[in-house]
Amino acid sequence: LRLVLGGAGSGLHDIVMARVYLTQFERDYEAMNAVYRS
């Protein structure tokens, strides 16, 4: 996503809204959040 945003003249600091899709929601939610938050 950072690569794509950079190519469009933007960056992570410009994100207004994100949608996250998980195939193993219960198992992966907390671990995904830890990485996402970083």
All heavy atoms as atom14 arrays in JSON, in Angstrom:
{
  "sequence": "LRLVLGGAGSGLHDIVMARVYLTQFERDYEAMNAVYRS",
  "atom14_mask": [
    [1, 1, 1, 1, 1, 1, 1, 1, 0, 0, 0, 0, 0, 0],
    [1, 1, 1, 1, 1, 1, 1, 1, 1, 1, 1, 0, 0, 0],
    [1, 1, 1, 1, 1, 1, 1, 1, 0, 0, 0, 0, 0, 0],
    [1, 1, 1, 1, 1, 1, 1, 0, 0, 0, 0, 0, 0, 0],
    [1, 1, 1, 1, 1, 1, 1, 1, 0, 0, 0, 0, 0, 0],
    [1, 1, 1, 1, 0, 0, 0, 0, 0, 0, 0, 0, 0, 0],
    [1, 1, 1, 1, 0, 0, 0, 0, 0, 0, 0, 0, 0, 0],
    [1, 1, 1, 1, 1, 0, 0, 0, 0, 0, 0, 0, 0, 0],
    [1, 1, 1, 1, 0, 0, 0, 0, 0, 0, 0, 0, 0, 0],
    [1, 1, 1, 1, 1, 1, 0, 0, 0, 0, 0, 0, 0, 0],
    [1, 1, 1, 1, 0, 0, 0, 0, 0, 0, 0, 0, 0, 0],
    [1, 1, 1, 1, 1, 1, 1, 1, 0, 0, 0, 0, 0, 0],
    [1, 1, 1, 1, 1, 1, 1, 1, 1, 1, 0, 0, 0, 0],
    [1, 1, 1, 1, 1, 1, 1, 1, 0, 0, 0, 0, 0, 0],
    [1, 1, 1, 1, 1, 1, 1, 1, 0, 0, 0, 0, 0, 0],
    [1, 1, 1, 1, 1, 1, 1, 0, 0, 0, 0, 0, 0, 0],
    [1, 1, 1, 1, 1, 1, 1, 1, 0, 0, 0, 0, 0, 0],
    [1, 1, 1, 1, 1, 0, 0, 0, 0, 0, 0, 0, 0, 0],
    [1, 1, 1, 1, 1, 1, 1, 1, 1, 1, 1, 0, 0, 0],
    [1, 1, 1, 1, 1, 1, 1, 0, 0, 0, 0, 0, 0, 0],
    [1, 1, 1, 1, 1, 1, 1, 1, 1, 1, 1, 1, 0, 0],
    [1, 1, 1, 1, 1, 1, 1, 1, 0, 0, 0, 0, 0, 0],
    [1, 1, 1, 1, 1, 1, 1, 0, 0, 0, 0, 0, 0, 0],
    [1, 1, 1, 1, 1, 1, 1, 1, 1, 0, 0, 0, 0, 0],
    [1, 1, 1, 1, 1, 1, 1, 1, 1, 1, 1, 0, 0, 0],
    [1, 1, 1, 1, 1, 1, 1, 1, 1, 0, 0, 0, 0, 0],
    [1, 1, 1, 1, 1, 1, 1, 1, 1, 1, 1, 0, 0, 0],
    [1, 1, 1, 1, 1, 1, 1, 1, 0, 0, 0, 0, 0, 0],
    [1, 1, 1, 1, 1, 1, 1, 1, 1, 1, 1, 1, 0, 0],
    [1, 1, 1, 1, 1, 1, 1, 1, 1, 0, 0, 0, 0, 0],
    [1, 1, 1, 1, 1, 0, 0, 0, 0, 0, 0, 0, 0, 0],
    [1, 1, 1, 1, 1, 1, 1, 1, 0, 0, 0, 0, 0, 0],
    [1, 1, 1, 1, 1, 1, 1, 1, 0, 0, 0, 0, 0, 0],
    [1, 1, 1, 1, 1, 0, 0, 0, 0, 0, 0, 0, 0, 0],
    [1, 1, 1, 1, 1, 1, 1, 0, 0, 0, 0, 0, 0, 0],
    [1, 1, 1, 1, 1, 1, 1, 1, 1, 1, 1, 1, 0, 0],
    [1, 1, 1, 1, 1, 1, 1, 1, 1, 1, 1, 0, 0, 0],
    [1, 1, 1, 1, 1, 1, 0, 0, 0, 0, 0, 0, 0, 0]
  ],
  "atom14_positions": [
    [[0.83, -1.2, 0.0], [0.0, 0.0, 0.0], [0.87, 1.25, 0.0], [0.56, 2.23, -0.69], [-0.94, 0.0, 1.21], [-2.09, -0.99, 1.14], [-2.72, -1.19, 2.51], [-3.13, -0.57, 0.11], [0.0, 0.0, 0.0], [0.0, 0.0, 0.0], [0.0, 0.0, 0.0], [0.0, 0.0, 0.0], [0.0, 0.0, 0.0], [0.0, 0.0, 0.0]],
    [[1.95, 1.23, 0.75], [2.87, 2.38, 0.77], [3.46, 2.61, -0.63], [3.58, 3.76, -1.07], [3.97, 2.13, 1.79], [4.79, 3.37, 2.04], [5.91, 3.23, 3.03], [5.92, 2.05, 3.84], [6.38, 2.02, 5.07], [6.84, 3.12, 5.64], [6.42, 0.91, 5.75], [0.0, 0.0, 0.0], [0.0, 0.0, 0.0], [0.0, 0.0, 0.0]],
    [[3.83, 1.54, -1.33], [4.32, 1.66, -2.71], [3.29, 2.31, -3.62], [3.6, 3.21, -4.39], [4.63, 0.28, -3.27], [6.0, -0.32, -3.14], [5.98, -1.78, -3.57], [7.0, 0.46, -3.95], [0.0, 0.0, 0.0], [0.0, 0.0, 0.0], [0.0, 0.0, 0.0], [0.0, 0.0, 0.0], [0.0, 0.0, 0.0], [0.0, 0.0, 0.0]],
    [[2.06, 1.83, -3.53], [0.99, 2.35, -4.38], [0.71, 3.82, -4.05], [0.61, 4.66, -4.94], [-0.28, 1.48, -4.23], [-1.48, 2.14, -4.9], [-0.05, 0.09, -4.81], [0.0, 0.0, 0.0], [0.0, 0.0, 0.0], [0.0, 0.0, 0.0], [0.0, 0.0, 0.0], [0.0, 0.0, 0.0], [0.0, 0.0, 0.0], [0.0, 0.0, 0.0]],
    [[0.59, 4.13, -2.77], [0.36, 5.53, -2.38], [1.5, 6.43, -2.84], [1.26, 7.53, -3.35], [0.2, 5.63, -0.86], [-1.12, 5.15, -0.28], [-1.01, 5.01, 1.23], [-2.26, 6.08, -0.66], [0.0, 0.0, 0.0], [0.0, 0.0, 0.0], [0.0, 0.0, 0.0], [0.0, 0.0, 0.0], [0.0, 0.0, 0.0], [0.0, 0.0, 0.0]],
    [[2.73, 5.97, -2.67], [3.88, 6.76, -3.11], [3.83, 7.05, -4.6], [4.13, 8.16, -5.04], [0.0, 0.0, 0.0], [0.0, 0.0, 0.0], [0.0, 0.0, 0.0], [0.0, 0.0, 0.0], [0.0, 0.0, 0.0], [0.0, 0.0, 0.0], [0.0, 0.0, 0.0], [0.0, 0.0, 0.0], [0.0, 0.0, 0.0], [0.0, 0.0, 0.0]],
    [[3.43, 6.06, -5.39], [3.32, 6.25, -6.83], [2.22, 7.22, -7.22], [2.23, 7.78, -8.31], [0.0, 0.0, 0.0], [0.0, 0.0, 0.0], [0.0, 0.0, 0.0], [0.0, 0.0, 0.0], [0.0, 0.0, 0.0], [0.0, 0.0, 0.0], [0.0, 0.0, 0.0], [0.0, 0.0, 0.0], [0.0, 0.0, 0.0], [0.0, 0.0, 0.0]],
    [[1.29, 7.44, -6.31], [0.19, 8.39, -6.55], [0.47, 9.74, -5.88], [-0.42, 10.59, -5.79], [-1.12, 7.81, -6.03], [0.0, 0.0, 0.0], [0.0, 0.0, 0.0], [0.0, 0.0, 0.0], [0.0, 0.0, 0.0], [0.0, 0.0, 0.0], [0.0, 0.0, 0.0], [0.0, 0.0, 0.0], [0.0, 0.0, 0.0], [0.0, 0.0, 0.0]],
    [[1.7, 9.94, -5.39], [2.07, 11.21, -4.78], [1.52, 11.38, -3.37], [1.24, 12.5, -2.95], [0.0, 0.0, 0.0], [0.0, 0.0, 0.0], [0.0, 0.0, 0.0], [0.0, 0.0, 0.0], [0.0, 0.0, 0.0], [0.0, 0.0, 0.0], [0.0, 0.0, 0.0], [0.0, 0.0, 0.0], [0.0, 0.0, 0.0], [0.0, 0.0, 0.0]],
    [[1.41, 10.29, -2.66], [0.82, 10.33, -1.32], [1.61, 9.42, -0.39], [2.67, 8.92, -0.75], [-0.65, 9.87, -1.43], [-1.32, 10.02, -0.22], [0.0, 0.0, 0.0], [0.0, 0.0, 0.0], [0.0, 0.0, 0.0], [0.0, 0.0, 0.0], [0.0, 0.0, 0.0], [0.0, 0.0, 0.0], [0.0, 0.0, 0.0], [0.0, 0.0, 0.0]],
    [[1.09, 9.2, 0.79], [1.75, 8.32, 1.74], [0.78, 7.86, 2.81], [-0.39, 8.25, 2.83], [0.0, 0.0, 0.0], [0.0, 0.0, 0.0], [0.0, 0.0, 0.0], [0.0, 0.0, 0.0], [0.0, 0.0, 0.0], [0.0, 0.0, 0.0], [0.0, 0.0, 0.0], [0.0, 0.0, 0.0], [0.0, 0.0, 0.0], [0.0, 0.0, 0.0]],
    [[1.29, 7.06, 3.73], [0.44, 6.53, 4.8], [-0.19, 7.65, 5.63], [-1.29, 7.5, 6.17], [1.24, 5.6, 5.71], [1.77, 4.3, 5.09], [2.59, 3.52, 6.11], [0.65, 3.45, 4.52], [0.0, 0.0, 0.0], [0.0, 0.0, 0.0], [0.0, 0.0, 0.0], [0.0, 0.0, 0.0], [0.0, 0.0, 0.0], [0.0, 0.0, 0.0]],
    [[0.48, 8.79, 5.74], [-0.04, 9.92, 6.52], [-1.32, 10.51, 5.93], [-2.01, 11.26, 6.61], [1.04, 11.0, 6.66], [1.51, 11.51, 5.33], [2.46, 10.84, 4.58], [1.17, 12.6, 4.62], [2.67, 11.51, 3.45], [1.89, 12.58, 3.46], [0.0, 0.0, 0.0], [0.0, 0.0, 0.0], [0.0, 0.0, 0.0], [0.0, 0.0, 0.0]],
    [[-1.62, 10.2, 4.68], [-2.81, 10.74, 4.01], [-4.01, 9.8, 4.08], [-5.08, 10.13, 3.55], [-2.5, 11.03, 2.53], [-1.53, 12.19, 2.37], [-1.6, 13.15, 3.16], [-0.69, 12.13, 1.45], [0.0, 0.0, 0.0], [0.0, 0.0, 0.0], [0.0, 0.0, 0.0], [0.0, 0.0, 0.0], [0.0, 0.0, 0.0], [0.0, 0.0, 0.0]],
    [[-3.87, 8.65, 4.72], [-4.98, 7.69, 4.78], [-6.08, 8.24, 5.68], [-5.84, 8.66, 6.8], [-4.52, 6.32, 5.3], [-3.47, 5.71, 4.37], [-5.71, 5.37, 5.46], [-2.81, 4.47, 4.93], [0.0, 0.0, 0.0], [0.0, 0.0, 0.0], [0.0, 0.0, 0.0], [0.0, 0.0, 0.0], [0.0, 0.0, 0.0], [0.0, 0.0, 0.0]],
    [[-7.3, 8.2, 5.15], [-8.49, 8.63, 5.88], [-9.24, 7.41, 6.42], [-9.72, 7.42, 7.55], [-9.41, 9.47, 4.96], [-10.71, 9.82, 5.65], [-8.68, 10.71, 4.47], [0.0, 0.0, 0.0], [0.0, 0.0, 0.0], [0.0, 0.0, 0.0], [0.0, 0.0, 0.0], [0.0, 0.0, 0.0], [0.0, 0.0, 0.0], [0.0, 0.0, 0.0]],
    [[-9.33, 6.36, 5.61], [-10.14, 5.19, 5.96], [-9.47, 3.94, 5.4], [-8.94, 3.96, 4.29], [-11.54, 5.34, 5.34], [-12.45, 4.17, 5.48], [-13.1, 4.07, 7.14], [-14.04, 2.57, 7.04], [0.0, 0.0, 0.0], [0.0, 0.0, 0.0], [0.0, 0.0, 0.0], [0.0, 0.0, 0.0], [0.0, 0.0, 0.0], [0.0, 0.0, 0.0]],
    [[-9.48, 2.88, 6.18], [-8.96, 1.59, 5.73], [-10.02, 0.52, 5.96], [-10.79, 0.6, 6.92], [-7.69, 1.23, 6.49], [0.0, 0.0, 0.0], [0.0, 0.0, 0.0], [0.0, 0.0, 0.0], [0.0, 0.0, 0.0], [0.0, 0.0, 0.0], [0.0, 0.0, 0.0], [0.0, 0.0, 0.0], [0.0, 0.0, 0.0], [0.0, 0.0, 0.0]],
    [[-10.03, -0.46, 5.06], [-10.86, -1.66, 5.25], [-9.93, -2.85, 5.22], [-9.17, -3.02, 4.28], [-11.92, -1.78, 4.15], [-13.14, -0.92, 4.42], [-14.19, -1.15, 3.36], [-13.64, -0.79, 2.05], [-14.11, 0.21, 1.3], [-15.14, 0.9, 1.67], [-13.55, 0.47, 0.15], [0.0, 0.0, 0.0], [0.0, 0.0, 0.0], [0.0, 0.0, 0.0]],
    [[-10.02, -3.66, 6.26], [-9.18, -4.84, 6.41], [-10.06, -6.07, 6.26], [-11.14, -6.14, 6.87], [-8.49, -4.86, 7.79], [-7.62, -6.1, 7.95], [-7.68, -3.58, 8.02], [0.0, 0.0, 0.0], [0.0, 0.0, 0.0], [0.0, 0.0, 0.0], [0.0, 0.0, 0.0], [0.0, 0.0, 0.0], [0.0, 0.0, 0.0], [0.0, 0.0, 0.0]],
    [[-9.61, -7.02, 5.47], [-10.33, -8.27, 5.25], [-9.46, -9.41, 5.77], [-8.3, -9.53, 5.36], [-10.62, -8.47, 3.76], [-11.33, -7.29, 3.15], [-10.62, -6.23, 2.6], [-12.72, -7.23, 3.12], [-11.27, -5.14, 2.05], [-13.38, -6.14, 2.57], [-12.65, -5.09, 2.05], [-13.3, -4.01, 1.5], [0.0, 0.0, 0.0], [0.0, 0.0, 0.0]],
    [[-10.0, -10.21, 6.67], [-9.27, -11.34, 7.26], [-10.02, -12.64, 7.01], [-11.23, -12.71, 7.24], [-9.14, -11.16, 8.78], [-8.31, -9.99, 9.28], [-8.44, -9.87, 10.78], [-6.86, -10.17, 8.87], [0.0, 0.0, 0.0], [0.0, 0.0, 0.0], [0.0, 0.0, 0.0], [0.0, 0.0, 0.0], [0.0, 0.0, 0.0], [0.0, 0.0, 0.0]],
    [[-9.29, -13.67, 6.58], [-9.93, -14.98, 6.37], [-10.03, -15.78, 7.65], [-10.87, -16.67, 7.75], [-9.17, -15.81, 5.31], [-7.84, -16.01, 5.76], [-9.2, -15.14, 3.95], [0.0, 0.0, 0.0], [0.0, 0.0, 0.0], [0.0, 0.0, 0.0], [0.0, 0.0, 0.0], [0.0, 0.0, 0.0], [0.0, 0.0, 0.0], [0.0, 0.0, 0.0]],
    [[-9.2, -15.47, 8.63], [-9.22, -16.16, 9.93], [-9.38, -15.1, 11.01], [-8.48, -14.87, 11.81], [-7.93, -16.97, 10.13], [-7.69, -18.02, 9.08], [-8.7, -19.15, 9.18], [-9.1, -19.56, 10.26], [-9.13, -19.65, 8.03], [0.0, 0.0, 0.0], [0.0, 0.0, 0.0], [0.0, 0.0, 0.0], [0.0, 0.0, 0.0], [0.0, 0.0, 0.0]],
    [[-10.54, -14.48, 11.05], [-10.77, -13.3, 11.88], [-10.42, -13.55, 13.35], [-9.62, -12.82, 13.93], [-12.23, -12.85, 11.75], [-12.49, -11.5, 12.35], [-12.4, -10.37, 11.58], [-12.81, -11.37, 13.69], [-12.64, -9.12, 12.13], [-13.04, -10.13, 14.25], [-12.95, -9.0, 13.48], [0.0, 0.0, 0.0], [0.0, 0.0, 0.0], [0.0, 0.0, 0.0]],
    [[-11.03, -14.53, 13.96], [-10.81, -14.78, 15.39], [-9.34, -15.07, 15.7], [-8.79, -14.58, 16.67], [-11.68, -15.94, 15.88], [-13.16, -15.65, 15.84], [-13.58, -14.53, 16.8], [-12.98, -14.43, 17.9], [-14.49, -13.77, 16.45], [0.0, 0.0, 0.0], [0.0, 0.0, 0.0], [0.0, 0.0, 0.0], [0.0, 0.0, 0.0], [0.0, 0.0, 0.0]],
    [[-8.71, -15.86, 14.86], [-7.33, -16.25, 15.09], [-6.35, -15.09, 14.87], [-5.39, -14.92, 15.63], [-6.97, -17.42, 14.18], [-5.55, -17.95, 14.39], [-5.13, -18.9, 13.32], [-4.83, -18.16, 12.08], [-4.62, -18.73, 10.91], [-4.7, -20.05, 10.79], [-4.34, -18.02, 9.84], [0.0, 0.0, 0.0], [0.0, 0.0, 0.0], [0.0, 0.0, 0.0]],
    [[-6.58, -14.28, 13.82], [-5.57, -13.33, 13.36], [-5.81, -11.87, 13.73], [-4.93, -11.02, 13.51], [-5.44, -13.43, 11.84], [-4.82, -14.75, 11.39], [-4.17, -15.42, 12.23], [-5.0, -15.11, 10.22], [0.0, 0.0, 0.0], [0.0, 0.0, 0.0], [0.0, 0.0, 0.0], [0.0, 0.0, 0.0], [0.0, 0.0, 0.0], [0.0, 0.0, 0.0]],
    [[-6.96, -11.55, 14.27], [-7.32, -10.15, 14.52], [-6.29, -9.41, 15.37], [-5.82, -8.33, 15.0], [-8.71, -10.08, 15.16], [-9.23, -8.69, 15.38], [-9.65, -7.91, 14.32], [-9.3, -8.16, 16.66], [-10.13, -6.63, 14.52], [-9.78, -6.88, 16.88], [-10.2, -6.12, 15.8], [-10.67, -4.86, 16.0], [0.0, 0.0, 0.0], [0.0, 0.0, 0.0]],
    [[-5.93, -9.94, 16.52], [-5.01, -9.25, 17.41], [-3.61, -9.12, 16.81], [-2.98, -8.06, 16.91], [-4.94, -9.94, 18.77], [-6.21, -9.8, 19.58], [-6.62, -8.35, 19.83], [-5.74, -7.5, 20.05], [-7.84, -8.07, 19.79], [0.0, 0.0, 0.0], [0.0, 0.0, 0.0], [0.0, 0.0, 0.0], [0.0, 0.0, 0.0], [0.0, 0.0, 0.0]],
    [[-3.11, -10.17, 16.19], [-1.78, -10.12, 15.58], [-1.74, -9.14, 14.41], [-0.76, -8.4, 14.24], [-1.34, -11.52, 15.14], [0.0, 0.0, 0.0], [0.0, 0.0, 0.0], [0.0, 0.0, 0.0], [0.0, 0.0, 0.0], [0.0, 0.0, 0.0], [0.0, 0.0, 0.0], [0.0, 0.0, 0.0], [0.0, 0.0, 0.0], [0.0, 0.0, 0.0]],
    [[-2.8, -9.12, 13.61], [-2.86, -8.15, 12.51], [-2.85, -6.73, 13.07], [-2.14, -5.85, 12.59], [-4.12, -8.39, 11.66], [-4.32, -7.41, 10.52], [-5.04, -5.81, 10.95], [-6.62, -6.28, 11.64], [0.0, 0.0, 0.0], [0.0, 0.0, 0.0], [0.0, 0.0, 0.0], [0.0, 0.0, 0.0], [0.0, 0.0, 0.0], [0.0, 0.0, 0.0]],
    [[-3.65, -6.49, 14.13], [-3.71, -5.16, 14.74], [-2.35, -4.7, 15.25], [-2.01, -3.53, 15.13], [-4.72, -5.14, 15.9], [-6.12, -4.91, 15.42], [-6.37, -4.21, 14.45], [-7.06, -5.52, 16.12], [0.0, 0.0, 0.0], [0.0, 0.0, 0.0], [0.0, 0.0, 0.0], [0.0, 0.0, 0.0], [0.0, 0.0, 0.0], [0.0, 0.0, 0.0]],
    [[-1.58, -5.59, 15.83], [-0.26, -5.22, 16.36], [0.64, -4.7, 15.24], [1.33, -3.68, 15.4], [0.38, -6.41, 17.07], [0.0, 0.0, 0.0], [0.0, 0.0, 0.0], [0.0, 0.0, 0.0], [0.0, 0.0, 0.0], [0.0, 0.0, 0.0], [0.0, 0.0, 0.0], [0.0, 0.0, 0.0], [0.0, 0.0, 0.0], [0.0, 0.0, 0.0]],
    [[0.64, -5.39, 14.1], [1.45, -4.93, 12.96], [0.87, -3.65, 12.38], [1.59, -2.68, 12.14], [1.55, -6.04, 11.88], [2.25, -5.51, 10.64], [2.25, -7.26, 12.45], [0.0, 0.0, 0.0], [0.0, 0.0, 0.0], [0.0, 0.0, 0.0], [0.0, 0.0, 0.0], [0.0, 0.0, 0.0], [0.0, 0.0, 0.0], [0.0, 0.0, 0.0]],
    [[-0.43, -3.63, 12.13], [-1.1, -2.46, 11.56], [-0.8, -1.21, 12.38], [-0.4, -0.18, 11.84], [-2.61, -2.74, 11.52], [-3.46, -1.62, 10.99], [-3.8, -1.56, 9.64], [-3.96, -0.63, 11.83], [-4.6, -0.54, 9.15], [-4.75, 0.39, 11.36], [-5.07, 0.44, 10.01], [-5.86, 1.45, 9.54], [0.0, 0.0, 0.0], [0.0, 0.0, 0.0]],
    [[-0.97, -1.3, 13.69], [-0.76, -0.15, 14.58], [0.67, 0.39, 14.47], [0.9, 1.6, 14.59], [-1.05, -0.59, 16.02], [-1.06, 0.53, 17.02], [-1.39, 0.05, 18.43], [-2.73, -0.51, 18.52], [-3.01, -1.8, 18.75], [-2.02, -2.67, 18.93], [-4.24, -2.23, 18.81], [0.0, 0.0, 0.0], [0.0, 0.0, 0.0], [0.0, 0.0, 0.0]],
    [[1.64, -0.47, 14.22], [3.04, -0.04, 14.18], [3.36, 0.89, 13.01], [4.4, 1.55, 13.02], [3.96, -1.27, 14.14], [3.93, -1.89, 12.86], [0.0, 0.0, 0.0], [0.0, 0.0, 0.0], [0.0, 0.0, 0.0], [0.0, 0.0, 0.0], [0.0, 0.0, 0.0], [0.0, 0.0, 0.0], [0.0, 0.0, 0.0], [0.0, 0.0, 0.0]]
  ]
}
